């Protein structure tokens, strides 16, 4: 669980960086993947709320939700592979 939470946090940070570099579609997928890794969305994080608001403005609410859902539908290994080169080498627990 702790490893999953940490990797989910890495995905969130990568989502922020993607947005800052103009890669909003990637940022939205990474937010969804973060939820897949953690096992739930992080609704209490202020940075995530600000990012979601910004992505909603740039992508539109429907596209943001579609891309987040795409990321959230990944299994944990595929979600980790978005950020960690080569993906996770062993199953997450």
PDB file of N, CA and C in Angstrom:
ATOM      1  N   UNK A   1       0.831  -1.203   0.000  1.00  0.00           N
ATOM      2  CA  UNK A   1       0.000   0.000   0.000  1.00  0.00           C
ATOM      3  C   UNK A   1       0.866   1.254   0.000  1.00  0.00           C
ATOM      4  N   UNK A   2       1.873   1.304   0.842  1.00  0.00           N
ATOM      5  CA  UNK A   2       2.744   2.486   0.907  1.00  0.00           C
ATOM      6  C   UNK A   2       3.452   2.704  -0.426  1.00  0.00           C
ATOM      7  N   UNK A   3       3.936   1.607  -1.041  1.00  0.00           N
ATOM      8  CA  UNK A   3       4.601   1.720  -2.337  1.00  0.00           C
ATOM      9  C   UNK A   3       3.625   2.256  -3.382  1.00  0.00           C
ATOM     10  N   UNK A   4       2.397   1.765  -3.371  1.00  0.00           N
ATOM     11  CA  UNK A   4       1.389   2.226  -4.317  1.00  0.00           C
ATOM     12  C   UNK A   4       1.104   3.705  -4.127  1.00  0.00           C
ATOM     13  N   UNK A   5       0.984   4.138  -2.886  1.00  0.00           N
ATOM     14  CA  UNK A   5       0.716   5.554  -2.608  1.00  0.00           C
ATOM     15  C   UNK A   5       1.857   6.409  -3.122  1.00  0.00           C
ATOM     16  N   UNK A   6       3.102   5.987  -2.867  1.00  0.00           N
ATOM     17  CA  UNK A   6       4.264   6.746  -3.329  1.00  0.00           C
ATOM     18  C   UNK A   6       4.325   6.846  -4.839  1.00  0.00           C
ATOM     19  N   UNK A   7       4.043   5.748  -5.528  1.00  0.00           N
ATOM     20  CA  UNK A   7       4.049   5.774  -6.987  1.00  0.00           C
ATOM     21  C   UNK A   7       2.896   6.613  -7.523  1.00  0.00           C
ATOM     22  N   UNK A   8       1.762   6.575  -6.849  1.00  0.00           N
ATOM     23  CA  UNK A   8       0.650   7.434  -7.241  1.00  0.00           C
ATOM     24  C   UNK A   8       1.016   8.901  -7.114  1.00  0.00           C
ATOM     25  N   UNK A   9       1.769   9.242  -6.066  1.00  0.00           N
ATOM     26  CA  UNK A   9       2.221  10.617  -5.882  1.00  0.00           C
ATOM     27  C   UNK A   9       3.189  11.025  -6.987  1.00  0.00           C
ATOM     28  N   UNK A  10       4.045  10.109  -7.405  1.00  0.00           N
ATOM     29  CA  UNK A  10       4.961  10.393  -8.513  1.00  0.00           C
ATOM     30  C   UNK A  10       4.152  10.690  -9.769  1.00  0.00           C
ATOM     31  N   UNK A  11       3.133   9.897 -10.031  1.00  0.00           N
ATOM     32  CA  UNK A  11       2.290  10.143 -11.202  1.00  0.00           C
ATOM     33  C   UNK A  11       1.641  11.516 -11.130  1.00  0.00           C
ATOM     34  N   UNK A  12       1.173  11.908  -9.942  1.00  0.00           N
ATOM     35  CA  UNK A  12       0.555  13.237  -9.801  1.00  0.00           C
ATOM     36  C   UNK A  12       1.569  14.326 -10.114  1.00  0.00           C
ATOM     37  N   UNK A  13       2.780  14.185  -9.614  1.00  0.00           N
ATOM     38  CA  UNK A  13       3.816  15.190  -9.885  1.00  0.00           C
ATOM     39  C   UNK A  13       4.136  15.236 -11.377  1.00  0.00           C
ATOM     40  N   UNK A  14       4.181  14.071 -12.003  1.00  0.00           N
ATOM     41  CA  UNK A  14       4.422  14.023 -13.444  1.00  0.00           C
ATOM     42  C   UNK A  14       3.276  14.695 -14.202  1.00  0.00           C
ATOM     43  N   UNK A  15       2.055  14.553 -13.709  1.00  0.00           N
ATOM     44  CA  UNK A  15       0.904  15.205 -14.338  1.00  0.00           C
ATOM     45  C   UNK A  15       1.052  16.718 -14.278  1.00  0.00           C
ATOM     46  N   UNK A  16       1.490  17.234 -13.142  1.00  0.00           N
ATOM     47  CA  UNK A  16       1.698  18.679 -13.001  1.00  0.00           C
ATOM     48  C   UNK A  16       2.774  19.140 -13.985  1.00  0.00           C
ATOM     49  N   UNK A  17       3.871  18.405 -14.064  1.00  0.00           N
ATOM     50  CA  UNK A  17       4.951  18.772 -14.991  1.00  0.00           C
ATOM     51  C   UNK A  17       4.476  18.715 -16.442  1.00  0.00           C
ATOM     52  N   UNK A  18       3.712  17.699 -16.784  1.00  0.00           N
ATOM     53  CA  UNK A  18       3.186  17.586 -18.150  1.00  0.00           C
ATOM     54  C   UNK A  18       2.328  18.811 -18.472  1.00  0.00           C
ATOM     55  N   UNK A  19       1.466  19.194 -17.548  1.00  0.00           N
ATOM     56  CA  UNK A  19       0.617  20.377 -17.764  1.00  0.00           C
ATOM     57  C   UNK A  19       1.464  21.630 -17.933  1.00  0.00           C
ATOM     58  N   UNK A  20       2.447  21.811 -17.094  1.00  0.00           N
ATOM     59  CA  UNK A  20       3.306  23.007 -17.175  1.00  0.00           C
ATOM     60  C   UNK A  20       4.063  23.071 -18.498  1.00  0.00           C
ATOM     61  N   UNK A  21       4.254  21.916 -19.124  1.00  0.00           N
ATOM     62  CA  UNK A  21       4.956  21.863 -20.405  1.00  0.00           C
ATOM     63  C   UNK A  21       3.997  21.750 -21.590  1.00  0.00           C
ATOM     64  N   UNK A  22       2.709  22.031 -21.350  1.00  0.00           N
ATOM     65  CA  UNK A  22       1.741  22.074 -22.427  1.00  0.00           C
ATOM     66  C   UNK A  22       1.236  20.727 -22.900  1.00  0.00           C
ATOM     67  N   UNK A  23       1.463  19.680 -22.118  1.00  0.00           N
ATOM     68  CA  UNK A  23       1.029  18.328 -22.500  1.00  0.00           C
ATOM     69  C   UNK A  23      -0.190  17.936 -21.650  1.00  0.00           C
ATOM     70  N   UNK A  24      -1.294  18.639 -21.885  1.00  0.00           N
ATOM     71  CA  UNK A  24      -2.470  18.478 -21.039  1.00  0.00           C
ATOM     72  C   UNK A  24      -3.145  17.118 -21.195  1.00  0.00           C
ATOM     73  N   UNK A  25      -3.146  16.561 -22.389  1.00  0.00           N
ATOM     74  CA  UNK A  25      -3.754  15.234 -22.576  1.00  0.00           C
ATOM     75  C   UNK A  25      -2.984  14.193 -21.753  1.00  0.00           C
ATOM     76  N   UNK A  26      -1.656  14.284 -21.795  1.00  0.00           N
ATOM     77  CA  UNK A  26      -0.822  13.385 -21.001  1.00  0.00           C
ATOM     78  C   UNK A  26      -1.071  13.601 -19.509  1.00  0.00           C
ATOM     79  N   UNK A  27      -1.194  14.856 -19.107  1.00  0.00           N
ATOM     80  CA  UNK A  27      -1.437  15.176 -17.692  1.00  0.00           C
ATOM     81  C   UNK A  27      -2.740  14.535 -17.215  1.00  0.00           C
ATOM     82  N   UNK A  28      -3.770  14.619 -18.029  1.00  0.00           N
ATOM     83  CA  UNK A  28      -5.063  14.034 -17.644  1.00  0.00           C
ATOM     84  C   UNK A  28      -4.961  12.517 -17.513  1.00  0.00           C
ATOM     85  N   UNK A  29      -4.270  11.864 -18.443  1.00  0.00           N
ATOM     86  CA  UNK A  29      -4.083  10.404 -18.346  1.00  0.00           C
ATOM     87  C   UNK A  29      -3.286  10.038 -17.100  1.00  0.00           C
ATOM     88  N   UNK A  30      -2.255  10.821 -16.797  1.00  0.00           N
ATOM     89  CA  UNK A  30      -1.447  10.556 -15.611  1.00  0.00           C
ATOM     90  C   UNK A  30      -2.252  10.691 -14.327  1.00  0.00           C
ATOM     91  N   UNK A  31      -3.176  11.654 -14.274  1.00  0.00           N
ATOM     92  CA  UNK A  31      -4.032  11.768 -13.091  1.00  0.00           C
ATOM     93  C   UNK A  31      -4.886  10.517 -12.938  1.00  0.00           C
ATOM     94  N   UNK A  32      -5.412  10.025 -14.036  1.00  0.00           N
ATOM     95  CA  UNK A  32      -6.192   8.792 -13.978  1.00  0.00           C
ATOM     96  C   UNK A  32      -5.334   7.613 -13.561  1.00  0.00           C
ATOM     97  N   UNK A  33      -4.121   7.559 -14.104  1.00  0.00           N
ATOM     98  CA  UNK A  33      -3.207   6.470 -13.753  1.00  0.00           C
ATOM     99  C   UNK A  33      -2.827   6.529 -12.273  1.00  0.00           C
ATOM    100  N   UNK A  34      -2.703   7.736 -11.743  1.00  0.00           N
ATOM    101  CA  UNK A  34      -2.417   7.891 -10.313  1.00  0.00           C
ATOM    102  C   UNK A  34      -3.514   7.240  -9.481  1.00  0.00           C
ATOM    103  N   UNK A  35      -4.751   7.436  -9.884  1.00  0.00           N
ATOM    104  CA  UNK A  35      -5.878   6.806  -9.178  1.00  0.00           C
ATOM    105  C   UNK A  35      -5.811   5.292  -9.313  1.00  0.00           C
ATOM    106  N   UNK A  36      -5.404   4.797 -10.482  1.00  0.00           N
ATOM    107  CA  UNK A  36      -5.281   3.353 -10.682  1.00  0.00           C
ATOM    108  C   UNK A  36      -4.224   2.762  -9.756  1.00  0.00           C
ATOM    109  N   UNK A  37      -3.118   3.470  -9.600  1.00  0.00           N
ATOM    110  CA  UNK A  37      -2.028   2.984  -8.747  1.00  0.00           C
ATOM    111  C   UNK A  37      -2.442   3.015  -7.272  1.00  0.00           C
ATOM    112  N   UNK A  38      -3.060   4.106  -6.863  1.00  0.00           N
ATOM    113  CA  UNK A  38      -3.451   4.272  -5.456  1.00  0.00           C
ATOM    114  C   UNK A  38      -4.670   3.441  -5.092  1.00  0.00           C
ATOM    115  N   UNK A  39      -5.463   3.092  -6.090  1.00  0.00           N
ATOM    116  CA  UNK A  39      -6.694   2.362  -5.835  1.00  0.00           C
ATOM    117  C   UNK A  39      -7.887   3.283  -5.628  1.00  0.00           C
ATOM    118  N   UNK A  40      -7.657   4.590  -5.726  1.00  0.00           N
ATOM    119  CA  UNK A  40      -8.724   5.590  -5.592  1.00  0.00           C
ATOM    120  C   UNK A  40      -8.178   6.944  -6.024  1.00  0.00           C
ATOM    121  N   UNK A  41      -9.088   7.839  -6.377  1.00  0.00           N
ATOM    122  CA  UNK A  41      -8.688   9.196  -6.733  1.00  0.00           C
ATOM    123  C   UNK A  41      -8.327   9.969  -5.470  1.00  0.00           C
ATOM    124  N   UNK A  42      -7.409  10.907  -5.599  1.00  0.00           N
ATOM    125  CA  UNK A  42      -7.007  11.756  -4.475  1.00  0.00           C
ATOM    126  C   UNK A  42      -7.800  13.053  -4.557  1.00  0.00           C
ATOM    127  N   UNK A  43      -8.930  13.103  -3.877  1.00  0.00           N
ATOM    128  CA  UNK A  43      -9.822  14.258  -3.955  1.00  0.00           C
ATOM    129  C   UNK A  43      -9.489  15.333  -2.914  1.00  0.00           C
ATOM    130  N   UNK A  44      -8.597  15.037  -1.994  1.00  0.00           N
ATOM    131  CA  UNK A  44      -8.302  15.995  -0.926  1.00  0.00           C
ATOM    132  C   UNK A  44      -7.070  16.853  -1.223  1.00  0.00           C
ATOM    133  N   UNK A  45      -6.323  16.528  -2.251  1.00  0.00           N
ATOM    134  CA  UNK A  45      -5.084  17.228  -2.561  1.00  0.00           C
ATOM    135  C   UNK A  45      -5.382  18.520  -3.313  1.00  0.00           C
ATOM    136  N   UNK A  46      -4.994  19.642  -2.734  1.00  0.00           N
ATOM    137  CA  UNK A  46      -5.266  20.943  -3.351  1.00  0.00           C
ATOM    138  C   UNK A  46      -4.595  21.081  -4.706  1.00  0.00           C
ATOM    139  N   UNK A  47      -3.364  20.598  -4.857  1.00  0.00           N
ATOM    140  CA  UNK A  47      -2.656  20.686  -6.137  1.00  0.00           C
ATOM    141  C   UNK A  47      -3.409  19.943  -7.234  1.00  0.00           C
ATOM    142  N   UNK A  48      -3.966  18.790  -6.877  1.00  0.00           N
ATOM    143  CA  UNK A  48      -4.744  18.016  -7.849  1.00  0.00           C
ATOM    144  C   UNK A  48      -5.994  18.797  -8.247  1.00  0.00           C
ATOM    145  N   UNK A  49      -6.654  19.404  -7.280  1.00  0.00           N
ATOM    146  CA  UNK A  49      -7.864  20.182  -7.575  1.00  0.00           C
ATOM    147  C   UNK A  49      -7.557  21.341  -8.522  1.00  0.00           C
ATOM    148  N   UNK A  50      -6.444  22.030  -8.279  1.00  0.00           N
ATOM    149  CA  UNK A  50      -6.038  23.142  -9.144  1.00  0.00           C
ATOM    150  C   UNK A  50      -5.711  22.622 -10.545  1.00  0.00           C
ATOM    151  N   UNK A  51      -5.011  21.501 -10.616  1.00  0.00           N
ATOM    152  CA  UNK A  51      -4.660  20.921 -11.906  1.00  0.00           C
ATOM    153  C   UNK A  51      -5.903  20.486 -12.666  1.00  0.00           C
ATOM    154  N   UNK A  52      -6.828  19.847 -11.989  1.00  0.00           N
ATOM    155  CA  UNK A  52      -8.065  19.405 -12.637  1.00  0.00           C
ATOM    156  C   UNK A  52      -8.830  20.605 -13.187  1.00  0.00           C
ATOM    157  N   UNK A  53      -8.874  21.672 -12.431  1.00  0.00           N
ATOM    158  CA  UNK A  53      -9.554  22.883 -12.900  1.00  0.00           C
ATOM    159  C   UNK A  53      -8.883  23.432 -14.161  1.00  0.00           C
ATOM    160  N   UNK A  54      -7.554  23.503 -14.151  1.00  0.00           N
ATOM    161  CA  UNK A  54      -6.819  24.012 -15.312  1.00  0.00           C
ATOM    162  C   UNK A  54      -7.005  23.101 -16.524  1.00  0.00           C
ATOM    163  N   UNK A  55      -6.958  21.796 -16.292  1.00  0.00           N
ATOM    164  CA  UNK A  55      -7.138  20.855 -17.404  1.00  0.00           C
ATOM    165  C   UNK A  55      -8.559  20.928 -17.950  1.00  0.00           C
ATOM    166  N   UNK A  56      -9.526  21.132 -17.086  1.00  0.00           N
ATOM    167  CA  UNK A  56     -10.905  21.282 -17.530  1.00  0.00           C
ATOM    168  C   UNK A  56     -11.072  22.484 -18.439  1.00  0.00           C
ATOM    169  N   UNK A  57     -10.380  23.569 -18.119  1.00  0.00           N
ATOM    170  CA  UNK A  57     -10.440  24.766 -18.973  1.00  0.00           C
ATOM    171  C   UNK A  57      -9.774  24.518 -20.320  1.00  0.00           C
ATOM    172  N   UNK A  58      -8.637  23.836 -20.313  1.00  0.00           N
ATOM    173  CA  UNK A  58      -7.908  23.662 -21.573  1.00  0.00           C
ATOM    174  C   UNK A  58      -8.464  22.542 -22.451  1.00  0.00           C
ATOM    175  N   UNK A  59      -8.927  21.465 -21.830  1.00  0.00           N
ATOM    176  CA  UNK A  59      -9.397  20.304 -22.599  1.00  0.00           C
ATOM    177  C   UNK A  59     -10.913  20.250 -22.748  1.00  0.00           C
ATOM    178  N   UNK A  60     -11.610  20.873 -21.828  1.00  0.00           N
ATOM    179  CA  UNK A  60     -13.059  20.712 -21.751  1.00  0.00           C
ATOM    180  C   UNK A  60     -13.365  19.569 -20.797  1.00  0.00           C
ATOM    181  N   UNK A  61     -14.479  19.693 -20.117  1.00  0.00           N
ATOM    182  CA  UNK A  61     -14.828  18.715 -19.079  1.00  0.00           C
ATOM    183  C   UNK A  61     -14.969  17.297 -19.628  1.00  0.00           C
ATOM    184  N   UNK A  62     -15.592  17.150 -20.782  1.00  0.00           N
ATOM    185  CA  UNK A  62     -15.808  15.809 -21.336  1.00  0.00           C
ATOM    186  C   UNK A  62     -14.498  15.127 -21.719  1.00  0.00           C
ATOM    187  N   UNK A  63     -13.612  15.879 -22.371  1.00  0.00           N
ATOM    188  CA  UNK A  63     -12.330  15.303 -22.782  1.00  0.00           C
ATOM    189  C   UNK A  63     -11.464  14.993 -21.567  1.00  0.00           C
ATOM    190  N   UNK A  64     -11.474  15.872 -20.580  1.00  0.00           N
ATOM    191  CA  UNK A  64     -10.728  15.619 -19.347  1.00  0.00           C
ATOM    192  C   UNK A  64     -11.212  14.322 -18.706  1.00  0.00           C
ATOM    193  N   UNK A  65     -12.503  14.162 -18.578  1.00  0.00           N
ATOM    194  CA  UNK A  65     -13.045  12.959 -17.949  1.00  0.00           C
ATOM    195  C   UNK A  65     -12.711  11.710 -18.761  1.00  0.00           C
ATOM    196  N   UNK A  66     -12.785  11.818 -20.088  1.00  0.00           N
ATOM    197  CA  UNK A  66     -12.461  10.671 -20.943  1.00  0.00           C
ATOM    198  C   UNK A  66     -10.998  10.241 -20.750  1.00  0.00           C
ATOM    199  N   UNK A  67     -10.098  11.215 -20.741  1.00  0.00           N
ATOM    200  CA  UNK A  67      -8.674  10.904 -20.598  1.00  0.00           C
ATOM    201  C   UNK A  67      -8.341  10.391 -19.199  1.00  0.00           C
ATOM    202  N   UNK A  68      -8.947  10.981 -18.175  1.00  0.00           N
ATOM    203  CA  UNK A  68      -8.731  10.477 -16.814  1.00  0.00           C
ATOM    204  C   UNK A  68      -9.243   9.049 -16.689  1.00  0.00           C
ATOM    205  N   UNK A  69     -10.389   8.779 -17.275  1.00  0.00           N
ATOM    206  CA  UNK A  69     -10.950   7.422 -17.236  1.00  0.00           C
ATOM    207  C   UNK A  69     -10.045   6.439 -17.959  1.00  0.00           C
ATOM    208  N   UNK A  70      -9.461   6.897 -19.061  1.00  0.00           N
ATOM    209  CA  UNK A  70      -8.520   6.061 -19.808  1.00  0.00           C
ATOM    210  C   UNK A  70      -7.333   5.674 -18.921  1.00  0.00           C
ATOM    211  N   UNK A  71      -6.784   6.652 -18.212  1.00  0.00           N
ATOM    212  CA  UNK A  71      -5.668   6.381 -17.304  1.00  0.00           C
ATOM    213  C   UNK A  71      -6.080   5.519 -16.133  1.00  0.00           C
ATOM    214  N   UNK A  72      -7.274   5.771 -15.592  1.00  0.00           N
ATOM    215  CA  UNK A  72      -7.756   5.012 -14.435  1.00  0.00           C
ATOM    216  C   UNK A  72      -8.069   3.561 -14.784  1.00  0.00           C
ATOM    217  N   UNK A  73      -8.344   3.291 -16.057  1.00  0.00           N
ATOM    218  CA  UNK A  73      -8.669   1.930 -16.485  1.00  0.00           C
ATOM    219  C   UNK A  73      -7.430   1.045 -16.616  1.00  0.00           C
ATOM    220  N   UNK A  74      -6.249   1.654 -16.563  1.00  0.00           N
ATOM    221  CA  UNK A  74      -5.014   0.871 -16.656  1.00  0.00           C
ATOM    222  C   UNK A  74      -4.843   0.018 -15.405  1.00  0.00           C
ATOM    223  N   UNK A  75      -4.228  -1.152 -15.577  1.00  0.00           N
ATOM    224  CA  UNK A  75      -3.864  -1.896 -14.377  1.00  0.00           C
ATOM    225  C   UNK A  75      -2.649  -1.200 -13.761  1.00  0.00           C
ATOM    226  N   UNK A  76      -2.300  -1.574 -12.553  1.00  0.00           N
ATOM    227  CA  UNK A  76      -1.218  -0.877 -11.851  1.00  0.00           C
ATOM    228  C   UNK A  76       0.098  -0.926 -12.620  1.00  0.00           C
ATOM    229  N   UNK A  77       0.413  -2.045 -13.215  1.00  0.00           N
ATOM    230  CA  UNK A  77       1.687  -2.158 -13.928  1.00  0.00           C
ATOM    231  C   UNK A  77       1.733  -1.194 -15.110  1.00  0.00           C
ATOM    232  N   UNK A  78       0.653  -1.102 -15.870  1.00  0.00           N
ATOM    233  CA  UNK A  78       0.612  -0.196 -17.017  1.00  0.00           C
ATOM    234  C   UNK A  78       0.631   1.259 -16.561  1.00  0.00           C
ATOM    235  N   UNK A  79      -0.036   1.555 -15.456  1.00  0.00           N
ATOM    236  CA  UNK A  79      -0.043   2.911 -14.922  1.00  0.00           C
ATOM    237  C   UNK A  79       1.356   3.332 -14.486  1.00  0.00           C
ATOM    238  N   UNK A  80       2.073   2.447 -13.847  1.00  0.00           N
ATOM    239  CA  UNK A  80       3.450   2.743 -13.426  1.00  0.00           C
ATOM    240  C   UNK A  80       4.337   2.942 -14.643  1.00  0.00           C
ATOM    241  N   UNK A  81       4.109   2.178 -15.690  1.00  0.00           N
ATOM    242  CA  UNK A  81       4.934   2.271 -16.895  1.00  0.00           C
ATOM    243  C   UNK A  81       4.832   3.636 -17.571  1.00  0.00           C
ATOM    244  N   UNK A  82       3.774   4.388 -17.297  1.00  0.00           N
ATOM    245  CA  UNK A  82       3.676   5.736 -17.857  1.00  0.00           C
ATOM    246  C   UNK A  82       4.772   6.647 -17.323  1.00  0.00           C
ATOM    247  N   UNK A  83       5.246   6.382 -16.122  1.00  0.00           N
ATOM    248  CA  UNK A  83       6.218   7.260 -15.480  1.00  0.00           C
ATOM    249  C   UNK A  83       7.575   6.604 -15.302  1.00  0.00           C
ATOM    250  N   UNK A  84       7.596   5.346 -14.906  1.00  0.00           N
ATOM    251  CA  UNK A  84       8.841   4.650 -14.593  1.00  0.00           C
ATOM    252  C   UNK A  84       9.329   3.918 -15.839  1.00  0.00           C
ATOM    253  N   UNK A  85      10.493   4.287 -16.356  1.00  0.00           N
ATOM    254  CA  UNK A  85      10.999   3.585 -17.536  1.00  0.00           C
ATOM    255  C   UNK A  85      11.061   2.076 -17.291  1.00  0.00           C
ATOM    256  N   UNK A  86      10.463   1.327 -18.163  1.00  0.00           N
ATOM    257  CA  UNK A  86      10.449  -0.127 -18.019  1.00  0.00           C
ATOM    258  C   UNK A  86       9.327  -0.613 -17.129  1.00  0.00           C
ATOM    259  N   UNK A  87       8.570   0.292 -16.512  1.00  0.00           N
ATOM    260  CA  UNK A  87       7.462  -0.104 -15.642  1.00  0.00           C
ATOM    261  C   UNK A  87       7.959  -0.759 -14.368  1.00  0.00           C
ATOM    262  N   UNK A  88       7.027  -1.189 -13.577  1.00  0.00           N
ATOM    263  CA  UNK A  88       7.374  -1.884 -12.329  1.00  0.00           C
ATOM    264  C   UNK A  88       7.923  -3.256 -12.664  1.00  0.00           C
ATOM    265  N   UNK A  89       8.944  -3.650 -11.999  1.00  0.00           N
ATOM    266  CA  UNK A  89       9.575  -4.934 -12.276  1.00  0.00           C
ATOM    267  C   UNK A  89       8.930  -6.077 -11.503  1.00  0.00           C
ATOM    268  N   UNK A  90       8.142  -5.744 -10.511  1.00  0.00           N
ATOM    269  CA  UNK A  90       7.442  -6.785  -9.747  1.00  0.00           C
ATOM    270  C   UNK A  90       6.073  -6.245  -9.382  1.00  0.00           C
ATOM    271  N   UNK A  91       5.144  -7.137  -9.080  1.00  0.00           N
ATOM    272  CA  UNK A  91       3.780  -6.675  -8.750  1.00  0.00           C
ATOM    273  C   UNK A  91       3.781  -5.750  -7.546  1.00  0.00           C
ATOM    274  N   UNK A  92       2.905  -4.758  -7.598  1.00  0.00           N
ATOM    275  CA  UNK A  92       2.757  -3.848  -6.469  1.00  0.00           C
ATOM    276  C   UNK A  92       1.874  -4.514  -5.413  1.00  0.00           C
ATOM    277  N   UNK A  93       2.143  -4.215  -4.157  1.00  0.00           N
ATOM    278  CA  UNK A  93       1.351  -4.785  -3.071  1.00  0.00           C
ATOM    279  C   UNK A  93       0.768  -3.683  -2.236  1.00  0.00           C
TER     280      UNK A  93
END
